[in-house]
PDB file of N, CA and C in Angstrom:
ATOM      1  N   MET A   1      60.763 104.791 106.710  1.00  0.00           N
ATOM      2  CA  MET A   1      60.736 105.575 107.919  1.00  0.00           C
ATOM      3  C   MET A   1      59.660 106.641 107.822  1.00  0.00           C
ATOM      4  N   SER A   2      59.070 106.882 108.937  1.00  0.00           N
ATOM      5  CA  SER A   2      58.067 107.936 108.945  1.00  0.00           C
ATOM      6  C   SER A   2      58.755 109.286 109.074  1.00  0.00           C
ATOM      7  N   THR A   3      58.023 110.316 108.757  1.00  0.00           N
ATOM      8  CA  THR A   3      58.610 111.653 108.807  1.00  0.00           C
ATOM      9  C   THR A   3      58.891 112.086 110.245  1.00  0.00           C
ATOM     10  N   GLU A   4      58.137 111.563 111.222  1.00  0.00           N
ATOM     11  CA  GLU A   4      58.399 111.912 112.617  1.00  0.00           C
ATOM     12  C   GLU A   4      59.743 111.343 113.073  1.00  0.00           C
ATOM     13  N   ALA A   5      60.043 110.124 112.662  1.00  0.00           N
ATOM     14  CA  ALA A   5      61.303 109.499 113.043  1.00  0.00           C
ATOM     15  C   ALA A   5      62.480 110.238 112.405  1.00  0.00           C
ATOM     16  N   VAL A   6      62.319 110.658 111.172  1.00  0.00           N
ATOM     17  CA  VAL A   6      63.378 111.396 110.493  1.00  0.00           C
ATOM     18  C   VAL A   6      63.552 112.770 111.132  1.00  0.00           C
ATOM     19  N   ALA A   7      62.462 113.373 111.567  1.00  0.00           N
ATOM     20  CA  ALA A   7      62.541 114.689 112.198  1.00  0.00           C
ATOM     21  C   ALA A   7      63.229 114.614 113.563  1.00  0.00           C
ATOM     22  N   ASN A   8      63.152 113.479 114.258  1.00  0.00           N
ATOM     23  CA  ASN A   8      63.766 113.336 115.569  1.00  0.00           C
ATOM     24  C   ASN A   8      65.243 112.937 115.510  1.00  0.00           C
ATOM     25  N   LEU A   9      65.755 112.578 114.352  1.00  0.00           N
ATOM     26  CA  LEU A   9      67.150 112.152 114.239  1.00  0.00           C
ATOM     27  C   LEU A   9      68.153 113.210 114.713  1.00  0.00           C
ATOM     28  N   PRO A  10      67.999 114.490 114.414  1.00  0.00           N
ATOM     29  CA  PRO A  10      69.008 115.458 114.877  1.00  0.00           C
ATOM     30  C   PRO A  10      69.076 115.620 116.395  1.00  0.00           C
ATOM     31  N   ILE A  11      68.070 115.222 117.132  1.00  0.00           N
ATOM     32  CA  ILE A  11      68.093 115.395 118.580  1.00  0.00           C
ATOM     33  C   ILE A  11      68.850 114.254 119.286  1.00  0.00           C
ATOM     34  N   VAL A  12      69.028 113.133 118.628  1.00  0.00           N
ATOM     35  CA  VAL A  12      69.691 111.979 119.248  1.00  0.00           C
ATOM     36  C   VAL A  12      71.125 112.303 119.673  1.00  0.00           C
ATOM     37  N   PRO A  13      71.952 112.934 118.828  1.00  0.00           N
ATOM     38  CA  PRO A  13      73.304 113.270 119.302  1.00  0.00           C
ATOM     39  C   PRO A  13      73.292 114.218 120.498  1.00  0.00           C
ATOM     40  N   LEU A  14      72.344 115.120 120.552  1.00  0.00           N
ATOM     41  CA  LEU A  14      72.259 116.029 121.698  1.00  0.00           C
ATOM     42  C   LEU A  14      71.887 115.280 122.974  1.00  0.00           C
ATOM     43  N   LEU A  15      71.063 114.251 122.858  1.00  0.00           N
ATOM     44  CA  LEU A  15      70.710 113.455 124.022  1.00  0.00           C
ATOM     45  C   LEU A  15      71.874 112.586 124.499  1.00  0.00           C
ATOM     46  N   LEU A  16      72.708 112.142 123.575  1.00  0.00           N
ATOM     47  CA  LEU A  16      73.851 111.300 123.929  1.00  0.00           C
ATOM     48  C   LEU A  16      75.082 112.096 124.348  1.00  0.00           C
ATOM     49  N   LEU A  17      75.091 113.386 124.105  1.00  0.00           N
ATOM     50  CA  LEU A  17      76.250 114.220 124.415  1.00  0.00           C
ATOM     51  C   LEU A  17      76.656 114.172 125.891  1.00  0.00           C
ATOM     52  N   PRO A  18      75.741 114.253 126.844  1.00  0.00           N
ATOM     53  CA  PRO A  18      76.189 114.188 128.249  1.00  0.00           C
ATOM     54  C   PRO A  18      76.890 112.877 128.600  1.00  0.00           C
ATOM     55  N   PHE A  19      76.421 111.774 128.046  1.00  0.00           N
ATOM     56  CA  PHE A  19      77.061 110.487 128.317  1.00  0.00           C
ATOM     57  C   PHE A  19      78.463 110.444 127.718  1.00  0.00           C
ATOM     58  N   ALA A  20      78.616 110.969 126.515  1.00  0.00           N
ATOM     59  CA  ALA A  20      79.937 111.006 125.890  1.00  0.00           C
ATOM     60  C   ALA A  20      80.879 111.914 126.670  1.00  0.00           C
ATOM     61  N   LEU A  21      80.394 113.043 127.131  1.00  0.00           N
ATOM     62  CA  LEU A  21      81.240 113.950 127.904  1.00  0.00           C
ATOM     63  C   LEU A  21      81.666 113.325 129.220  1.00  0.00           C
ATOM     64  N   ILE A  22      80.747 112.676 129.899  1.00  0.00           N
ATOM     65  CA  ILE A  22      81.088 112.015 131.161  1.00  0.00           C
ATOM     66  C   ILE A  22      82.141 110.944 130.922  1.00  0.00           C
ATOM     67  N   PHE A  23      81.979 110.174 129.853  1.00  0.00           N
ATOM     68  CA  PHE A  23      82.936 109.108 129.581  1.00  0.00           C
ATOM     69  C   PHE A  23      84.315 109.675 129.271  1.00  0.00           C
ATOM     70  N   PHE A  24      84.394 110.629 128.348  1.00  0.00           N
ATOM     71  CA  PHE A  24      85.703 111.100 127.900  1.00  0.00           C
ATOM     72  C   PHE A  24      86.357 112.070 128.866  1.00  0.00           C
ATOM     73  N   ILE A  25      85.605 112.723 129.726  1.00  0.00           N
ATOM     74  CA  ILE A  25      86.198 113.673 130.663  1.00  0.00           C
ATOM     75  C   ILE A  25      86.488 113.027 132.015  1.00  0.00           C
ATOM     76  N   ILE A  26      85.673 112.057 132.440  1.00  0.00           N
ATOM     77  CA  ILE A  26      85.850 111.462 133.765  1.00  0.00           C
ATOM     78  C   ILE A  26      86.381 110.035 133.691  1.00  0.00           C
ATOM     79  N   VAL A  27      85.692 109.164 132.979  1.00  0.00           N
ATOM     80  CA  VAL A  27      86.023 107.741 133.002  1.00  0.00           C
ATOM     81  C   VAL A  27      87.332 107.440 132.267  1.00  0.00           C
ATOM     82  N   PHE A  28      87.488 107.935 131.071  1.00  0.00           N
ATOM     83  CA  PHE A  28      88.651 107.601 130.254  1.00  0.00           C
ATOM     84  C   PHE A  28      89.971 108.032 130.903  1.00  0.00           C
ATOM     85  N   PRO A  29      90.080 109.237 131.473  1.00  0.00           N
ATOM     86  CA  PRO A  29      91.350 109.585 132.141  1.00  0.00           C
ATOM     87  C   PRO A  29      91.668 108.692 133.341  1.00  0.00           C
ATOM     88  N   PHE A  30      90.652 108.336 134.148  1.00  0.00           N
ATOM     89  CA  PHE A  30      90.904 107.428 135.266  1.00  0.00           C
ATOM     90  C   PHE A  30      91.366 106.065 134.774  1.00  0.00           C
ATOM     91  N   TRP A  31      90.802 105.605 133.677  1.00  0.00           N
ATOM     92  CA  TRP A  31      91.200 104.324 133.094  1.00  0.00           C
ATOM     93  C   TRP A  31      92.659 104.394 132.638  1.00  0.00           C
ATOM     94  N   GLY A  32      93.029 105.494 131.995  1.00  0.00           N
ATOM     95  CA  GLY A  32      94.411 105.656 131.543  1.00  0.00           C
ATOM     96  C   GLY A  32      95.398 105.723 132.694  1.00  0.00           C
ATOM     97  N   VAL A  33      95.036 106.443 133.760  1.00  0.00           N
ATOM     98  CA  VAL A  33      95.908 106.527 134.936  1.00  0.00           C
ATOM     99  C   VAL A  33      96.048 105.151 135.583  1.00  0.00           C
ATOM    100  N   ALA A  34      94.942 104.416 135.693  1.00  0.00           N
ATOM    101  CA  ALA A  34      94.994 103.073 136.284  1.00  0.00           C
ATOM    102  C   ALA A  34      95.889 102.151 135.464  1.00  0.00           C
ATOM    103  N   LEU A  35      95.778 102.222 134.129  1.00  0.00           N
ATOM    104  CA  LEU A  35      96.652 101.404 133.287  1.00  0.00           C
ATOM    105  C   LEU A  35      98.116 101.797 133.470  1.00  0.00           C
ATOM    106  N   GLY A  36      98.385 103.086 133.567  1.00  0.00           N
ATOM    107  CA  GLY A  36      99.758 103.543 133.755  1.00  0.00           C
ATOM    108  C   GLY A  36     100.346 103.078 135.072  1.00  0.00           C
ATOM    109  N   VAL A  37      99.580 103.204 136.155  1.00  0.00           N
ATOM    110  CA  VAL A  37     100.066 102.798 137.477  1.00  0.00           C
ATOM    111  C   VAL A  37     100.278 101.291 137.528  1.00  0.00           C
ATOM    112  N   LEU A  38      99.306 100.522 137.051  1.00  0.00           N
ATOM    113  CA  LEU A  38      99.456  99.068 137.067  1.00  0.00           C
ATOM    114  C   LEU A  38     100.570  98.603 136.138  1.00  0.00           C
ATOM    115  N   GLY A  39     100.716  99.253 134.990  1.00  0.00           N
ATOM    116  CA  GLY A  39     101.796  98.900 134.072  1.00  0.00           C
ATOM    117  C   GLY A  39     103.164  99.160 134.666  1.00  0.00           C
ATOM    118  N   LEU A  40     103.306 100.309 135.331  1.00  0.00           N
ATOM    119  CA  LEU A  40     104.578 100.620 135.984  1.00  0.00           C
ATOM    120  C   LEU A  40     104.865  99.642 137.112  1.00  0.00           C
ATOM    121  N   LEU A  41     103.861  99.345 137.913  1.00  0.00           N
ATOM    122  CA  LEU A  41     104.030  98.384 138.997  1.00  0.00           C
ATOM    123  C   LEU A  41     104.378  97.002 138.456  1.00  0.00           C
ATOM    124  N   LEU A  42     103.771  96.621 137.341  1.00  0.00           N
ATOM    125  CA  LEU A  42     104.061  95.324 136.728  1.00  0.00           C
ATOM    126  C   LEU A  42     105.506  95.265 136.233  1.00  0.00           C
ATOM    127  N   VAL A  43     105.969  96.326 135.603  1.00  0.00           N
ATOM    128  CA  VAL A  43     107.356  96.358 135.120  1.00  0.00           C
ATOM    129  C   VAL A  43     108.327  96.285 136.286  1.00  0.00           C
ATOM    130  N   ILE A  44     108.042  97.017 137.365  1.00  0.00           N
ATOM    131  CA  ILE A  44     108.921  96.989 138.538  1.00  0.00           C
ATOM    132  C   ILE A  44     108.956  95.595 139.151  1.00  0.00           C
ATOM    133  N   LEU A  45     107.790  94.965 139.341  1.00  0.00           N
ATOM    134  CA  LEU A  45     107.756  93.634 139.954  1.00  0.00           C
ATOM    135  C   LEU A  45     108.423  92.587 139.069  1.00  0.00           C
ATOM    136  N   ARG A  46     108.207  92.669 137.764  1.00  0.00           N
ATOM    137  CA  ARG A  46     108.871  91.710 136.873  1.00  0.00           C
ATOM    138  C   ARG A  46     110.379  91.915 136.872  1.00  0.00           C
ATOM    139  N   GLY A  47     110.807  93.184 136.949  1.00  0.00           N
ATOM    140  CA  GLY A  47     112.244  93.457 137.021  1.00  0.00           C
ATOM    141  C   GLY A  47     112.851  92.920 138.303  1.00  0.00           C
ATOM    142  N   LEU A  48     112.185  93.158 139.433  1.00  0.00           N
ATOM    143  CA  LEU A  48     112.675  92.626 140.708  1.00  0.00           C
ATOM    144  C   LEU A  48     112.686  91.107 140.707  1.00  0.00           C
ATOM    145  N   ASN A  49     111.663  90.514 140.105  1.00  0.00           N
ATOM    146  CA  ASN A  49     111.594  89.055 140.046  1.00  0.00           C
ATOM    147  C   ASN A  49     112.726  88.477 139.195  1.00  0.00           C
ATOM    148  N   SER A  50     113.053  89.147 138.108  1.00  0.00           N
ATOM    149  CA  SER A  50     114.130  88.628 137.261  1.00  0.00           C
ATOM    150  C   SER A  50     115.500  88.830 137.911  1.00  0.00           C
ATOM    151  N   VAL A  51     115.651  89.885 138.694  1.00  0.00           N
ATOM    152  CA  VAL A  51     116.941  90.131 139.361  1.00  0.00           C
ATOM    153  C   VAL A  51     117.147  89.170 140.521  1.00  0.00           C
ATOM    154  N   PHE A  52     116.112  88.975 141.323  1.00  0.00           N
ATOM    155  CA  PHE A  52     116.265  88.200 142.548  1.00  0.00           C
ATOM    156  C   PHE A  52     115.900  86.722 142.423  1.00  0.00           C
ATOM    157  N   GLY A  53     115.181  86.346 141.369  1.00  0.00           N
ATOM    158  CA  GLY A  53     114.733  84.970 141.365  1.00  0.00           C
ATOM    159  C   GLY A  53     114.845  84.236 140.056  1.00  0.00           C
ATOM    160  N   LYS A  54     115.309  84.866 139.015  1.00  0.00           N
ATOM    161  CA  LYS A  54     115.437  84.219 137.701  1.00  0.00           C
ATOM    162  C   LYS A  54     114.131  83.577 137.250  1.00  0.00           C
ATOM    163  N   GLY A  55     113.021  84.306 137.392  1.00  0.00           N
ATOM    164  CA  GLY A  55     111.743  83.828 136.880  1.00  0.00           C
ATOM    165  C   GLY A  55     110.819  83.246 137.916  1.00  0.00           C
ATOM    166  N   HIS A  56     111.367  82.580 138.918  1.00  0.00           N
ATOM    167  CA  HIS A  56     110.527  81.952 139.948  1.00  0.00           C
ATOM    168  C   HIS A  56     110.889  82.489 141.321  1.00  0.00           C
ATOM    169  N   GLY A  57     111.159  83.765 141.388  1.00  0.00           N
ATOM    170  CA  GLY A  57     111.616  84.367 142.636  1.00  0.00           C
ATOM    171  C   GLY A  57     110.487  84.764 143.561  1.00  0.00           C
ATOM    172  N   PRO A  58     110.825  85.540 144.551  1.00  0.00           N
ATOM    173  CA  PRO A  58     109.842  85.917 145.572  1.00  0.00           C
ATOM    174  C   PRO A  58     108.757  86.843 145.048  1.00  0.00           C
ATOM    175  N   PHE A  59     108.951  87.443 143.881  1.00  0.00           N
ATOM    176  CA  PHE A  59     107.967  88.380 143.346  1.00  0.00           C
ATOM    177  C   PHE A  59     107.118  87.769 142.236  1.00  0.00           C
ATOM    178  N   ALA A  60     107.194  86.457 142.051  1.00  0.00           N
ATOM    179  CA  ALA A  60     106.413  85.812 140.988  1.00  0.00           C
ATOM    180  C   ALA A  60     104.920  85.889 141.278  1.00  0.00           C
ATOM    181  N   GLY A  61     104.519  85.637 142.513  1.00  0.00           N
ATOM    182  CA  GLY A  61     103.101  85.701 142.878  1.00  0.00           C
ATOM    183  C   GLY A  61     102.514  87.098 142.749  1.00  0.00           C
ATOM    184  N   PRO A  62     103.163  88.115 143.355  1.00  0.00           N
ATOM    185  CA  PRO A  62     102.653  89.474 143.188  1.00  0.00           C
ATOM    186  C   PRO A  62     102.663  89.952 141.734  1.00  0.00           C
ATOM    187  N   ALA A  63     103.672  89.548 140.965  1.00  0.00           N
ATOM    188  CA  ALA A  63     103.719  89.935 139.555  1.00  0.00           C
ATOM    189  C   ALA A  63     102.550  89.321 138.790  1.00  0.00           C
ATOM    190  N   ALA A  64     102.214  88.081 139.094  1.00  0.00           N
ATOM    191  CA  ALA A  64     101.084  87.431 138.435  1.00  0.00           C
ATOM    192  C   ALA A  64      99.772  88.104 138.829  1.00  0.00           C
ATOM    193  N   ALA A  65      99.647  88.499 140.088  1.00  0.00           N
ATOM    194  CA  ALA A  65      98.421  89.168 140.539  1.00  0.00           C
ATOM    195  C   ALA A  65      98.272  90.538 139.881  1.00  0.00           C
ATOM    196  N   VAL A  66      99.367  91.276 139.767  1.00  0.00           N
ATOM    197  CA  VAL A  66      99.306  92.587 139.118  1.00  0.00           C
ATOM    198  C   VAL A  66      99.027  92.421 137.632  1.00  0.00           C
ATOM    199  N   TYR A  67      99.559  91.373 137.013  1.00  0.00           N
ATOM    200  CA  TYR A  67      99.271  91.116 135.600  1.00  0.00           C
ATOM    201  C   TYR A  67      97.780  90.853 135.387  1.00  0.00           C
ATOM    202  N   ARG A  68      97.180  90.054 136.282  1.00  0.00           N
ATOM    203  CA  ARG A  68      95.733  89.795 136.168  1.00  0.00           C
ATOM    204  C   ARG A  68      94.931  91.080 136.362  1.00  0.00           C
ATOM    205  N   ALA A  69      95.338  91.902 137.322  1.00  0.00           N
ATOM    206  CA  ALA A  69      94.651  93.182 137.543  1.00  0.00           C
ATOM    207  C   ALA A  69      94.816  94.093 136.331  1.00  0.00           C
ATOM    208  N   PHE A  70      96.008  94.109 135.742  1.00  0.00           N
ATOM    209  CA  PHE A  70      96.258  94.923 134.549  1.00  0.00           C
ATOM    210  C   PHE A  70      95.367  94.481 133.398  1.00  0.00           C
ATOM    211  N   ARG A  71      95.277  93.173 133.175  1.00  0.00           N
ATOM    212  CA  ARG A  71      94.414  92.668 132.097  1.00  0.00           C
ATOM    213  C   ARG A  71      92.947  92.979 132.369  1.00  0.00           C
ATOM    214  N   TRP A  72      92.532  92.924 133.641  1.00  0.00           N
ATOM    215  CA  TRP A  72      91.148  93.218 133.997  1.00  0.00           C
ATOM    216  C   TRP A  72      90.829  94.681 133.707  1.00  0.00           C
ATOM    217  N   VAL A  73      91.734  95.582 134.084  1.00  0.00           N
ATOM    218  CA  VAL A  73      91.522  97.005 133.826  1.00  0.00           C
ATOM    219  C   VAL A  73      91.592  97.275 132.325  1.00  0.00           C
ATOM    220  N   LEU A  74      92.498  96.611 131.630  1.00  0.00           N
ATOM    221  CA  LEU A  74      92.639  96.815 130.191  1.00  0.00           C
ATOM    222  C   LEU A  74      91.365  96.459 129.442  1.00  0.00           C
ATOM    223  N   THR A  75      90.620  95.492 129.934  1.00  0.00           N
ATOM    224  CA  THR A  75      89.387  95.059 129.261  1.00  0.00           C
ATOM    225  C   THR A  75      88.140  95.690 129.878  1.00  0.00           C
ATOM    226  N   PHE A  76      88.298  96.826 130.565  1.00  0.00           N
ATOM    227  CA  PHE A  76      87.169  97.520 131.205  1.00  0.00           C
ATOM    228  C   PHE A  76      86.424  96.589 132.146  1.00  0.00           C
ATOM    229  N   GLY A  77      87.136  95.891 132.975  1.00  0.00           N
ATOM    230  CA  GLY A  77      86.514  94.998 133.952  1.00  0.00           C
ATOM    231  C   GLY A  77      85.945  93.743 133.331  1.00  0.00           C
ATOM    232  N   GLY A  78      86.555  93.258 132.271  1.00  0.00           N
ATOM    233  CA  GLY A  78      86.075  92.050 131.609  1.00  0.00           C
ATOM    234  C   GLY A  78      84.974  92.310 130.603  1.00  0.00           C
ATOM    235  N   PHE A  79      84.623  93.572 130.394  1.00  0.00           N
ATOM    236  CA  PHE A  79      83.542  93.911 129.459  1.00  0.00           C
ATOM    237  C   PHE A  79      83.936  93.619 128.024  1.00  0.00           C
ATOM    238  N   VAL A  80      85.200  93.858 127.687  1.00  0.00           N
ATOM    239  CA  VAL A  80      85.714  93.630 126.340  1.00  0.00           C
ATOM    240  C   VAL A  80      86.653  92.442 126.391  1.00  0.00           C
ATOM    241  N   ARG A  81      86.453  91.486 125.553  1.00  0.00           N
ATOM    242  CA  ARG A  81      87.360  90.334 125.485  1.00  0.00           C
ATOM    243  C   ARG A  81      88.441  90.644 124.459  1.00  0.00           C
ATOM    244  N   LEU A  82      89.696  90.470 124.846  1.00  0.00           N
ATOM    245  CA  LEU A  82      90.814  90.758 123.950  1.00  0.00           C
ATOM    246  C   LEU A  82      91.250  89.534 123.170  1.00  0.00           C
ATOM    247  N   GLY A  83      90.436  88.558 123.105  1.00  0.00           N
ATOM    248  CA  GLY A  83      90.787  87.325 122.418  1.00  0.00           C
ATOM    249  C   GLY A  83      90.908  86.207 123.418  1.00  0.00           C
ATOM    250  N   GLU A  84      90.298  85.116 123.104  1.00  0.00           N
ATOM    251  CA  GLU A  84      90.350  83.970 124.013  1.00  0.00           C
ATOM    252  C   GLU A  84      91.726  83.347 123.909  1.00  0.00           C
ATOM    253  N   GLN A  85      92.388  83.221 125.043  1.00  0.00           N
ATOM    254  CA  GLN A  85      93.701  82.600 125.076  1.00  0.00           C
ATOM    255  C   GLN A  85      93.606  81.266 125.783  1.00  0.00           C
ATOM    256  N   HIS A  86      94.388  80.352 125.308  1.00  0.00           N
ATOM    257  CA  HIS A  86      94.480  79.062 125.966  1.00  0.00           C
ATOM    258  C   HIS A  86      95.279  79.259 127.248  1.00  0.00           C
ATOM    259  N   PRO A  87      94.869  78.659 128.367  1.00  0.00           N
ATOM    260  CA  PRO A  87      95.582  78.867 129.633  1.00  0.00           C
ATOM    261  C   PRO A  87      97.075  78.549 129.559  1.00  0.00           C
ATOM    262  N   ALA A  88      97.468  77.611 128.708  1.00  0.00           N
ATOM    263  CA  ALA A  88      98.882  77.255 128.612  1.00  0.00           C
ATOM    264  C   ALA A  88      99.699  78.374 127.955  1.00  0.00           C
ATOM    265  N   SER A  89      99.063  79.219 127.129  1.00  0.00           N
ATOM    266  CA  SER A  89      99.794  80.289 126.472  1.00  0.00           C
ATOM    267  C   SER A  89      99.825  81.558 127.306  1.00  0.00           C
ATOM    268  N   ASP A  90      99.085  81.592 128.401  1.00  0.00           N
ATOM    269  CA  ASP A  90      99.056  82.744 129.280  1.00  0.00           C
ATOM    270  C   ASP A  90     100.277  82.714 130.192  1.00  0.00           C
ATOM    271  N   PRO A  91     101.067  83.806 130.238  1.00  0.00           N
ATOM    272  CA  PRO A  91     102.284  83.765 131.056  1.00  0.00           C
ATOM    273  C   PRO A  91     102.007  83.621 132.538  1.00  0.00           C
ATOM    274  N   VAL A  92     100.808  83.945 132.986  1.00  0.00           N
ATOM    275  CA  VAL A  92     100.481  83.806 134.406  1.00  0.00           C
ATOM    276  C   VAL A  92     100.343  82.336 134.776  1.00  0.00           C
ATOM    277  N   HIS A  93      99.830  81.518 133.856  1.00  0.00           N
ATOM    278  CA  HIS A  93      99.528  80.118 134.160  1.00  0.00           C
ATOM    279  C   HIS A  93     100.666  79.168 133.805  1.00  0.00           C
ATOM    280  N   ARG A  94     101.742  79.674 133.262  1.00  0.00           N
ATOM    281  CA  ARG A  94     102.846  78.787 132.909  1.00  0.00           C
ATOM    282  C   ARG A  94     103.538  78.288 134.156  1.00  0.00           C
ATOM    283  N   ALA A  95     103.981  77.053 134.090  1.00  0.00           N
ATOM    284  CA  ALA A  95     104.673  76.463 135.264  1.00  0.00           C
ATOM    285  C   ALA A  95     106.112  76.900 135.322  1.00  0.00           C
TER     286      ALA A  95
END
């Protein structure tokens, strides 16, 4: 490494600080709130589905849609893959 590159190393964290602050102060709390709301809605819909339909009730479709939305938000809009699952092992795709 040249001495100029080594001399510029301490400024890199200062340049990245605004991006880190924006992420942890604005983006991360909204992500957490979205996960909480979707998770609560998913639990409510699954509970209603189990009470009224024994698994294949009137809330099966909405519960599956909320589950897909929850997984999408959990992976930052598909940016992070949580592991490739076979469609047959996914509870949304089970018959």
